[in-house]
Amino acid sequence: MQEPTQLEPEGRRRKLEKEGVVISDAMDKTVVVEVRRLVMDRMYGKYLRARSRFMAHDEKNECKVGDRVRIQESRPLSRHKRWVVKEILERATE
């Protein structure tokens, strides 16, 4: 068994991070981020594009539609919000 490091206390797990594109910023301090990924079909072996949409907390209302962002898992902030915008990777071109 691996010993816990100083960075990760025992009994804690690392928070998941995902990258995606902001598709809505209409709400106050909340953005909707779409994460796209490739998933292989189990029967045919063909790759399919899958998408997931996450509501993420944007404390400073910095994100705009089209921005590429990194989101991080957090405690539940509201009924649907369980992610926080960690950083903006790329601004949308206007």
PDB file of N, CA and C in Angstrom:
ATOM      1  N   MET A   1       0.838  -1.186   0.000  1.00  0.00           N
ATOM      2  CA  MET A   1       0.000   0.000   0.000  1.00  0.00           C
ATOM      3  C   MET A   1       0.879   1.245   0.000  1.00  0.00           C
ATOM      4  N   GLN A   2       0.476   2.239  -0.739  1.00  0.00           N
ATOM      5  CA  GLN A   2       1.238   3.476  -0.861  1.00  0.00           C
ATOM      6  C   GLN A   2       1.016   4.368   0.353  1.00  0.00           C
ATOM      7  N   GLU A   3       2.092   4.987   0.825  1.00  0.00           N
ATOM      8  CA  GLU A   3       1.969   5.893   1.952  1.00  0.00           C
ATOM      9  C   GLU A   3       1.447   7.250   1.494  1.00  0.00           C
ATOM     10  N   PRO A   4       0.590   7.904   2.289  1.00  0.00           N
ATOM     11  CA  PRO A   4       0.089   9.224   1.886  1.00  0.00           C
ATOM     12  C   PRO A   4       1.216  10.258   1.909  1.00  0.00           C
ATOM     13  N   THR A   5       1.198  11.158   0.936  1.00  0.00           N
ATOM     14  CA  THR A   5       2.205  12.213   0.881  1.00  0.00           C
ATOM     15  C   THR A   5       1.746  13.392   1.732  1.00  0.00           C
ATOM     16  N   GLN A   6       2.642  14.347   1.920  1.00  0.00           N
ATOM     17  CA  GLN A   6       2.287  15.519   2.708  1.00  0.00           C
ATOM     18  C   GLN A   6       1.276  16.390   1.988  1.00  0.00           C
ATOM     19  N   LEU A   7       1.286  16.352   0.651  1.00  0.00           N
ATOM     20  CA  LEU A   7       0.365  17.194  -0.113  1.00  0.00           C
ATOM     21  C   LEU A   7      -1.063  16.678  -0.026  1.00  0.00           C
ATOM     22  N   GLU A   8      -1.220  15.369   0.054  1.00  0.00           N
ATOM     23  CA  GLU A   8      -2.554  14.780   0.111  1.00  0.00           C
ATOM     24  C   GLU A   8      -2.761  14.113   1.466  1.00  0.00           C
ATOM     25  N   PRO A   9      -3.526  14.734   2.368  1.00  0.00           N
ATOM     26  CA  PRO A   9      -3.782  14.123   3.673  1.00  0.00           C
ATOM     27  C   PRO A   9      -4.494  12.786   3.522  1.00  0.00           C
ATOM     28  N   GLU A  10      -4.312  11.920   4.498  1.00  0.00           N
ATOM     29  CA  GLU A  10      -4.924  10.599   4.452  1.00  0.00           C
ATOM     30  C   GLU A  10      -6.449  10.718   4.445  1.00  0.00           C
ATOM     31  N   GLY A  11      -7.093   9.906   3.619  1.00  0.00           N
ATOM     32  CA  GLY A  11      -8.545   9.924   3.538  1.00  0.00           C
ATOM     33  C   GLY A  11      -9.099  10.948   2.561  1.00  0.00           C
ATOM     34  N   ARG A  12      -8.249  11.741   1.949  1.00  0.00           N
ATOM     35  CA  ARG A  12      -8.697  12.737   0.982  1.00  0.00           C
ATOM     36  C   ARG A  12      -8.316  12.306  -0.411  1.00  0.00           C
ATOM     37  N   ARG A  13      -9.145  12.663  -1.380  1.00  0.00           N
ATOM     38  CA  ARG A  13      -8.804  12.357  -2.760  1.00  0.00           C
ATOM     39  C   ARG A  13      -8.613  13.650  -3.530  1.00  0.00           C
ATOM     40  N   ARG A  14      -7.899  13.565  -4.642  1.00  0.00           N
ATOM     41  CA  ARG A  14      -7.682  14.747  -5.466  1.00  0.00           C
ATOM     42  C   ARG A  14      -8.977  15.166  -6.120  1.00  0.00           C
ATOM     43  N   LYS A  15      -9.166  16.475  -6.278  1.00  0.00           N
ATOM     44  CA  LYS A  15     -10.371  16.977  -6.918  1.00  0.00           C
ATOM     45  C   LYS A  15     -10.212  16.871  -8.432  1.00  0.00           C
ATOM     46  N   LEU A  16     -11.260  16.406  -9.088  1.00  0.00           N
ATOM     47  CA  LEU A  16     -11.230  16.258 -10.536  1.00  0.00           C
ATOM     48  C   LEU A  16     -11.157  17.613 -11.211  1.00  0.00           C
ATOM     49  N   GLU A  17     -10.487  17.661 -12.361  1.00  0.00           N
ATOM     50  CA  GLU A  17     -10.439  18.866 -13.187  1.00  0.00           C
ATOM     51  C   GLU A  17     -10.834  18.491 -14.600  1.00  0.00           C
ATOM     52  N   LYS A  18     -11.527  19.396 -15.261  1.00  0.00           N
ATOM     53  CA  LYS A  18     -11.937  19.191 -16.645  1.00  0.00           C
ATOM     54  C   LYS A  18     -11.735  20.482 -17.414  1.00  0.00           C
ATOM     55  N   GLU A  19     -11.547  20.356 -18.741  1.00  0.00           N
ATOM     56  CA  GLU A  19     -11.435  21.533 -19.605  1.00  0.00           C
ATOM     57  C   GLU A  19     -12.617  21.546 -20.548  1.00  0.00           C
ATOM     58  N   GLY A  20     -13.150  22.745 -20.782  1.00  0.00           N
ATOM     59  CA  GLY A  20     -14.291  22.863 -21.666  1.00  0.00           C
ATOM     60  C   GLY A  20     -14.483  24.283 -22.135  1.00  0.00           C
ATOM     61  N   VAL A  21     -15.588  24.504 -22.840  1.00  0.00           N
ATOM     62  CA  VAL A  21     -15.908  25.803 -23.422  1.00  0.00           C
ATOM     63  C   VAL A  21     -17.176  26.338 -22.764  1.00  0.00           C
ATOM     64  N   VAL A  22     -17.150  27.619 -22.433  1.00  0.00           N
ATOM     65  CA  VAL A  22     -18.320  28.262 -21.830  1.00  0.00           C
ATOM     66  C   VAL A  22     -19.387  28.427 -22.912  1.00  0.00           C
ATOM     67  N   ILE A  23     -20.591  27.898 -22.660  1.00  0.00           N
ATOM     68  CA  ILE A  23     -21.665  28.022 -23.646  1.00  0.00           C
ATOM     69  C   ILE A  23     -22.774  28.963 -23.173  1.00  0.00           C
ATOM     70  N   SER A  24     -22.743  29.348 -21.879  1.00  0.00           N
ATOM     71  CA  SER A  24     -23.727  30.295 -21.372  1.00  0.00           C
ATOM     72  C   SER A  24     -23.153  31.030 -20.168  1.00  0.00           C
ATOM     73  N   ASP A  25     -23.369  32.361 -20.147  1.00  0.00           N
ATOM     74  CA  ASP A  25     -22.953  33.163 -19.001  1.00  0.00           C
ATOM     75  C   ASP A  25     -24.086  34.074 -18.550  1.00  0.00           C
ATOM     76  N   ALA A  26     -25.322  33.647 -18.795  1.00  0.00           N
ATOM     77  CA  ALA A  26     -26.489  34.485 -18.527  1.00  0.00           C
ATOM     78  C   ALA A  26     -26.782  34.645 -17.031  1.00  0.00           C
ATOM     79  N   MET A  27     -26.337  33.689 -16.223  1.00  0.00           N
ATOM     80  CA  MET A  27     -26.633  33.738 -14.788  1.00  0.00           C
ATOM     81  C   MET A  27     -25.572  34.544 -14.040  1.00  0.00           C
ATOM     82  N   ASP A  28     -25.915  34.972 -12.843  1.00  0.00           N
ATOM     83  CA  ASP A  28     -24.976  35.733 -12.019  1.00  0.00           C
ATOM     84  C   ASP A  28     -24.029  34.769 -11.314  1.00  0.00           C
ATOM     85  N   LYS A  29     -22.725  34.954 -11.520  1.00  0.00           N
ATOM     86  CA  LYS A  29     -21.663  34.148 -10.901  1.00  0.00           C
ATOM     87  C   LYS A  29     -21.737  32.669 -11.248  1.00  0.00           C
ATOM     88  N   THR A  30     -22.379  32.333 -12.353  1.00  0.00           N
ATOM     89  CA  THR A  30     -22.489  30.948 -12.803  1.00  0.00           C
ATOM     90  C   THR A  30     -22.322  30.898 -14.312  1.00  0.00           C
ATOM     91  N   VAL A  31     -21.567  29.913 -14.782  1.00  0.00           N
ATOM     92  CA  VAL A  31     -21.433  29.679 -16.222  1.00  0.00           C
ATOM     93  C   VAL A  31     -21.749  28.218 -16.492  1.00  0.00           C
ATOM     94  N   VAL A  32     -22.175  27.930 -17.720  1.00  0.00           N
ATOM     95  CA  VAL A  32     -22.387  26.554 -18.143  1.00  0.00           C
ATOM     96  C   VAL A  32     -21.212  26.199 -19.052  1.00  0.00           C
ATOM     97  N   VAL A  33     -20.514  25.125 -18.686  1.00  0.00           N
ATOM     98  CA  VAL A  33     -19.319  24.704 -19.423  1.00  0.00           C
ATOM     99  C   VAL A  33     -19.611  23.368 -20.091  1.00  0.00           C
ATOM    100  N   GLU A  34     -19.314  23.290 -21.396  1.00  0.00           N
ATOM    101  CA  GLU A  34     -19.502  22.048 -22.147  1.00  0.00           C
ATOM    102  C   GLU A  34     -18.158  21.368 -22.324  1.00  0.00           C
ATOM    103  N   VAL A  35     -18.080  20.121 -21.882  1.00  0.00           N
ATOM    104  CA  VAL A  35     -16.857  19.326 -21.995  1.00  0.00           C
ATOM    105  C   VAL A  35     -17.114  18.257 -23.042  1.00  0.00           C
ATOM    106  N   ARG A  36     -16.268  18.239 -24.081  1.00  0.00           N
ATOM    107  CA  ARG A  36     -16.406  17.244 -25.149  1.00  0.00           C
ATOM    108  C   ARG A  36     -15.312  16.204 -25.010  1.00  0.00           C
ATOM    109  N   ARG A  37     -15.658  14.939 -25.336  1.00  0.00           N
ATOM    110  CA  ARG A  37     -14.677  13.862 -25.272  1.00  0.00           C
ATOM    111  C   ARG A  37     -15.045  12.798 -26.297  1.00  0.00           C
ATOM    112  N   LEU A  38     -14.075  11.955 -26.625  1.00  0.00           N
ATOM    113  CA  LEU A  38     -14.309  10.855 -27.545  1.00  0.00           C
ATOM    114  C   LEU A  38     -14.533   9.585 -26.736  1.00  0.00           C
ATOM    115  N   VAL A  39     -15.575   8.836 -27.108  1.00  0.00           N
ATOM    116  CA  VAL A  39     -15.917   7.598 -26.426  1.00  0.00           C
ATOM    117  C   VAL A  39     -16.005   6.495 -27.471  1.00  0.00           C
ATOM    118  N   MET A  40     -15.325   5.390 -27.195  1.00  0.00           N
ATOM    119  CA  MET A  40     -15.364   4.287 -28.146  1.00  0.00           C
ATOM    120  C   MET A  40     -16.625   3.452 -27.944  1.00  0.00           C
ATOM    121  N   ASP A  41     -17.337   3.171 -29.034  1.00  0.00           N
ATOM    122  CA  ASP A  41     -18.505   2.312 -28.997  1.00  0.00           C
ATOM    123  C   ASP A  41     -18.052   0.897 -28.656  1.00  0.00           C
ATOM    124  N   ARG A  42     -18.690   0.268 -27.667  1.00  0.00           N
ATOM    125  CA  ARG A  42     -18.245  -1.041 -27.194  1.00  0.00           C
ATOM    126  C   ARG A  42     -18.423  -2.130 -28.238  1.00  0.00           C
ATOM    127  N   MET A  43     -19.455  -2.014 -29.063  1.00  0.00           N
ATOM    128  CA  MET A  43     -19.722  -3.079 -30.023  1.00  0.00           C
ATOM    129  C   MET A  43     -18.930  -2.904 -31.320  1.00  0.00           C
ATOM    130  N   TYR A  44     -18.936  -1.682 -31.862  1.00  0.00           N
ATOM    131  CA  TYR A  44     -18.355  -1.470 -33.188  1.00  0.00           C
ATOM    132  C   TYR A  44     -16.947  -0.883 -33.156  1.00  0.00           C
ATOM    133  N   GLY A  45     -16.515  -0.384 -32.005  1.00  0.00           N
ATOM    134  CA  GLY A  45     -15.168   0.170 -31.923  1.00  0.00           C
ATOM    135  C   GLY A  45     -15.033   1.540 -32.548  1.00  0.00           C
ATOM    136  N   LYS A  46     -16.140   2.130 -32.932  1.00  0.00           N
ATOM    137  CA  LYS A  46     -16.115   3.462 -33.554  1.00  0.00           C
ATOM    138  C   LYS A  46     -16.105   4.527 -32.457  1.00  0.00           C
ATOM    139  N   TYR A  47     -15.363   5.579 -32.706  1.00  0.00           N
ATOM    140  CA  TYR A  47     -15.313   6.671 -31.733  1.00  0.00           C
ATOM    141  C   TYR A  47     -16.477   7.631 -31.950  1.00  0.00           C
ATOM    142  N   LEU A  48     -17.157   7.970 -30.866  1.00  0.00           N
ATOM    143  CA  LEU A  48     -18.284   8.887 -30.905  1.00  0.00           C
ATOM    144  C   LEU A  48     -17.947  10.114 -30.070  1.00  0.00           C
ATOM    145  N   ARG A  49     -18.435  11.271 -30.495  1.00  0.00           N
ATOM    146  CA  ARG A  49     -18.242  12.495 -29.715  1.00  0.00           C
ATOM    147  C   ARG A  49     -19.331  12.573 -28.648  1.00  0.00           C
ATOM    148  N   ALA A  50     -18.904  12.649 -27.412  1.00  0.00           N
ATOM    149  CA  ALA A  50     -19.850  12.780 -26.300  1.00  0.00           C
ATOM    150  C   ALA A  50     -19.640  14.144 -25.664  1.00  0.00           C
ATOM    151  N   ARG A  51     -20.693  14.708 -25.112  1.00  0.00           N
ATOM    152  CA  ARG A  51     -20.562  16.001 -24.450  1.00  0.00           C
ATOM    153  C   ARG A  51     -21.258  15.936 -23.100  1.00  0.00           C
ATOM    154  N   SER A  52     -20.712  16.704 -22.176  1.00  0.00           N
ATOM    155  CA  SER A  52     -21.308  16.841 -20.857  1.00  0.00           C
ATOM    156  C   SER A  52     -21.365  18.322 -20.545  1.00  0.00           C
ATOM    157  N   ARG A  53     -22.406  18.724 -19.849  1.00  0.00           N
ATOM    158  CA  ARG A  53     -22.551  20.135 -19.490  1.00  0.00           C
ATOM    159  C   ARG A  53     -22.526  20.263 -17.979  1.00  0.00           C
ATOM    160  N   PHE A  54     -21.712  21.185 -17.495  1.00  0.00           N
ATOM    161  CA  PHE A  54     -21.569  21.398 -16.061  1.00  0.00           C
ATOM    162  C   PHE A  54     -21.821  22.855 -15.738  1.00  0.00           C
ATOM    163  N   MET A  55     -22.513  23.107 -14.634  1.00  0.00           N
ATOM    164  CA  MET A  55     -22.644  24.464 -14.129  1.00  0.00           C
ATOM    165  C   MET A  55     -21.477  24.706 -13.191  1.00  0.00           C
ATOM    166  N   ALA A  56     -20.780  25.817 -13.401  1.00  0.00           N
ATOM    167  CA  ALA A  56     -19.601  26.115 -12.599  1.00  0.00           C
ATOM    168  C   ALA A  56     -19.707  27.510 -12.008  1.00  0.00           C
ATOM    169  N   HIS A  57     -19.151  27.674 -10.815  1.00  0.00           N
ATOM    170  CA  HIS A  57     -19.174  28.953 -10.112  1.00  0.00           C
ATOM    171  C   HIS A  57     -18.061  29.845 -10.644  1.00  0.00           C
ATOM    172  N   ASP A  58     -18.417  31.064 -11.044  1.00  0.00           N
ATOM    173  CA  ASP A  58     -17.464  32.062 -11.549  1.00  0.00           C
ATOM    174  C   ASP A  58     -17.583  33.287 -10.654  1.00  0.00           C
ATOM    175  N   GLU A  59     -16.777  33.332  -9.606  1.00  0.00           N
ATOM    176  CA  GLU A  59     -16.913  34.342  -8.549  1.00  0.00           C
ATOM    177  C   GLU A  59     -16.860  35.773  -9.069  1.00  0.00           C
ATOM    178  N   LYS A  60     -15.973  36.063 -10.036  1.00  0.00           N
ATOM    179  CA  LYS A  60     -15.782  37.441 -10.495  1.00  0.00           C
ATOM    180  C   LYS A  60     -16.548  37.765 -11.777  1.00  0.00           C
ATOM    181  N   ASN A  61     -17.375  36.860 -12.265  1.00  0.00           N
ATOM    182  CA  ASN A  61     -18.116  37.051 -13.524  1.00  0.00           C
ATOM    183  C   ASN A  61     -17.181  37.411 -14.680  1.00  0.00           C
ATOM    184  N   GLU A  62     -16.028  36.736 -14.761  1.00  0.00           N
ATOM    185  CA  GLU A  62     -15.038  37.027 -15.797  1.00  0.00           C
ATOM    186  C   GLU A  62     -15.292  36.282 -17.095  1.00  0.00           C
ATOM    187  N   CYS A  63     -15.871  35.100 -17.025  1.00  0.00           N
ATOM    188  CA  CYS A  63     -16.012  34.241 -18.203  1.00  0.00           C
ATOM    189  C   CYS A  63     -17.082  34.755 -19.154  1.00  0.00           C
ATOM    190  N   LYS A  64     -16.793  34.632 -20.438  1.00  0.00           N
ATOM    191  CA  LYS A  64     -17.740  34.984 -21.493  1.00  0.00           C
ATOM    192  C   LYS A  64     -17.960  33.762 -22.373  1.00  0.00           C
ATOM    193  N   VAL A  65     -19.021  33.794 -23.170  1.00  0.00           N
ATOM    194  CA  VAL A  65     -19.327  32.683 -24.067  1.00  0.00           C
ATOM    195  C   VAL A  65     -18.171  32.493 -25.044  1.00  0.00           C
ATOM    196  N   GLY A  66     -17.722  31.250 -25.189  1.00  0.00           N
ATOM    197  CA  GLY A  66     -16.631  30.931 -26.103  1.00  0.00           C
ATOM    198  C   GLY A  66     -15.279  30.777 -25.436  1.00  0.00           C
ATOM    199  N   ASP A  67     -15.148  31.191 -24.170  1.00  0.00           N
ATOM    200  CA  ASP A  67     -13.883  31.044 -23.456  1.00  0.00           C
ATOM    201  C   ASP A  67     -13.605  29.575 -23.163  1.00  0.00           C
ATOM    202  N   ARG A  68     -12.324  29.169 -23.285  1.00  0.00           N
ATOM    203  CA  ARG A  68     -11.905  27.830 -22.842  1.00  0.00           C
ATOM    204  C   ARG A  68     -11.479  27.953 -21.389  1.00  0.00           C
ATOM    205  N   VAL A  69     -12.033  27.106 -20.528  1.00  0.00           N
ATOM    206  CA  VAL A  69     -11.759  27.205 -19.098  1.00  0.00           C
ATOM    207  C   VAL A  69     -11.414  25.840 -18.517  1.00  0.00           C
ATOM    208  N   ARG A  70     -10.752  25.873 -17.357  1.00  0.00           N
ATOM    209  CA  ARG A  70     -10.506  24.667 -16.571  1.00  0.00           C
ATOM    210  C   ARG A  70     -11.394  24.774 -15.344  1.00  0.00           C
ATOM    211  N   ILE A  71     -12.187  23.718 -15.097  1.00  0.00           N
ATOM    212  CA  ILE A  71     -13.063  23.705 -13.929  1.00  0.00           C
ATOM    213  C   ILE A  71     -12.603  22.622 -12.967  1.00  0.00           C
ATOM    214  N   GLN A  72     -12.884  22.838 -11.678  1.00  0.00           N
ATOM    215  CA  GLN A  72     -12.460  21.910 -10.638  1.00  0.00           C
ATOM    216  C   GLN A  72     -13.661  21.515  -9.789  1.00  0.00           C
ATOM    217  N   GLU A  73     -13.703  20.264  -9.425  1.00  0.00           N
ATOM    218  CA  GLU A  73     -14.769  19.729  -8.588  1.00  0.00           C
ATOM    219  C   GLU A  73     -14.758  20.419  -7.222  1.00  0.00           C
ATOM    220  N   SER A  74     -15.947  20.666  -6.650  1.00  0.00           N
ATOM    221  CA  SER A  74     -16.025  21.300  -5.337  1.00  0.00           C
ATOM    222  C   SER A  74     -17.235  20.753  -4.580  1.00  0.00           C
ATOM    223  N   ARG A  75     -17.425  21.287  -3.404  1.00  0.00           N
ATOM    224  CA  ARG A  75     -18.611  20.900  -2.632  1.00  0.00           C
ATOM    225  C   ARG A  75     -19.851  21.441  -3.350  1.00  0.00           C
ATOM    226  N   PRO A  76     -21.045  20.916  -3.078  1.00  0.00           N
ATOM    227  CA  PRO A  76     -22.248  21.451  -3.703  1.00  0.00           C
ATOM    228  C   PRO A  76     -22.470  22.916  -3.317  1.00  0.00           C
ATOM    229  N   LEU A  77     -22.592  23.777  -4.328  1.00  0.00           N
ATOM    230  CA  LEU A  77     -22.802  25.204  -4.093  1.00  0.00           C
ATOM    231  C   LEU A  77     -24.272  25.583  -4.273  1.00  0.00           C
ATOM    232  N   SER A  78     -24.999  24.796  -5.049  1.00  0.00           N
ATOM    233  CA  SER A  78     -26.434  24.994  -5.229  1.00  0.00           C
ATOM    234  C   SER A  78     -26.998  23.669  -5.736  1.00  0.00           C
ATOM    235  N   ARG A  79     -28.224  23.697  -6.205  1.00  0.00           N
ATOM    236  CA  ARG A  79     -28.872  22.460  -6.642  1.00  0.00           C
ATOM    237  C   ARG A  79     -28.103  21.764  -7.763  1.00  0.00           C
ATOM    238  N   HIS A  80     -27.564  22.538  -8.724  1.00  0.00           N
ATOM    239  CA  HIS A  80     -26.881  21.951  -9.875  1.00  0.00           C
ATOM    240  C   HIS A  80     -25.387  22.255  -9.931  1.00  0.00           C
ATOM    241  N   LYS A  81     -24.910  23.157  -9.097  1.00  0.00           N
ATOM    242  CA  LYS A  81     -23.513  23.603  -9.169  1.00  0.00           C
ATOM    243  C   LYS A  81     -22.617  22.799  -8.236  1.00  0.00           C
ATOM    244  N   ARG A  82     -21.666  22.066  -8.859  1.00  0.00           N
ATOM    245  CA  ARG A  82     -20.692  21.309  -8.084  1.00  0.00           C
ATOM    246  C   ARG A  82     -19.278  21.523  -8.609  1.00  0.00           C
ATOM    247  N   TRP A  83     -19.078  22.556  -9.416  1.00  0.00           N
ATOM    248  CA  TRP A  83     -17.791  22.854 -10.039  1.00  0.00           C
ATOM    249  C   TRP A  83     -17.469  24.334  -9.869  1.00  0.00           C
ATOM    250  N   VAL A  84     -16.171  24.655  -9.884  1.00  0.00           N
ATOM    251  CA  VAL A  84     -15.692  26.030  -9.759  1.00  0.00           C
ATOM    252  C   VAL A  84     -14.729  26.291 -10.904  1.00  0.00           C
ATOM    253  N   VAL A  85     -14.813  27.481 -11.525  1.00  0.00           N
ATOM    254  CA  VAL A  85     -13.875  27.849 -12.584  1.00  0.00           C
ATOM    255  C   VAL A  85     -12.524  28.101 -11.928  1.00  0.00           C
ATOM    256  N   LYS A  86     -11.526  27.303 -12.314  1.00  0.00           N
ATOM    257  CA  LYS A  86     -10.197  27.432 -11.731  1.00  0.00           C
ATOM    258  C   LYS A  86      -9.372  28.471 -12.487  1.00  0.00           C
ATOM    259  N   GLU A  87      -9.423  28.422 -13.834  1.00  0.00           N
ATOM    260  CA  GLU A  87      -8.687  29.402 -14.638  1.00  0.00           C
ATOM    261  C   GLU A  87      -9.266  29.474 -16.033  1.00  0.00           C
ATOM    262  N   ILE A  88      -9.042  30.617 -16.672  1.00  0.00           N
ATOM    263  CA  ILE A  88      -9.443  30.806 -18.060  1.00  0.00           C
ATOM    264  C   ILE A  88      -8.216  30.513 -18.909  1.00  0.00           C
ATOM    265  N   LEU A  89      -8.325  29.496 -19.762  1.00  0.00           N
ATOM    266  CA  LEU A  89      -7.180  29.072 -20.576  1.00  0.00           C
ATOM    267  C   LEU A  89      -7.024  29.914 -21.830  1.00  0.00           C
ATOM    268  N   GLU A  90      -8.167  30.288 -22.431  1.00  0.00           N
ATOM    269  CA  GLU A  90      -8.127  31.025 -23.687  1.00  0.00           C
ATOM    270  C   GLU A  90      -9.394  31.877 -23.797  1.00  0.00           C
ATOM    271  N   ARG A  91      -9.207  33.132 -24.104  1.00  0.00           N
ATOM    272  CA  ARG A  91     -10.353  34.032 -24.271  1.00  0.00           C
ATOM    273  C   ARG A  91     -10.994  33.827 -25.638  1.00  0.00           C
ATOM    274  N   ALA A  92     -12.287  34.077 -25.725  1.00  0.00           N
ATOM    275  CA  ALA A  92     -13.001  33.971 -26.999  1.00  0.00           C
ATOM    276  C   ALA A  92     -12.613  35.142 -27.904  1.00  0.00           C
ATOM    277  N   THR A  93     -12.485  34.863 -29.189  1.00  0.00           N
ATOM    278  CA  THR A  93     -12.197  35.931 -30.141  1.00  0.00           C
ATOM    279  C   THR A  93     -13.505  36.564 -30.554  1.00  0.00           C
ATOM    280  N   GLU A  94     -13.511  37.869 -30.624  1.00  0.00           N
ATOM    281  CA  GLU A  94     -14.772  38.574 -30.929  1.00  0.00           C
ATOM    282  C   GLU A  94     -14.784  39.127 -32.321  1.00  0.00           C
TER     283      GLU A  94
END
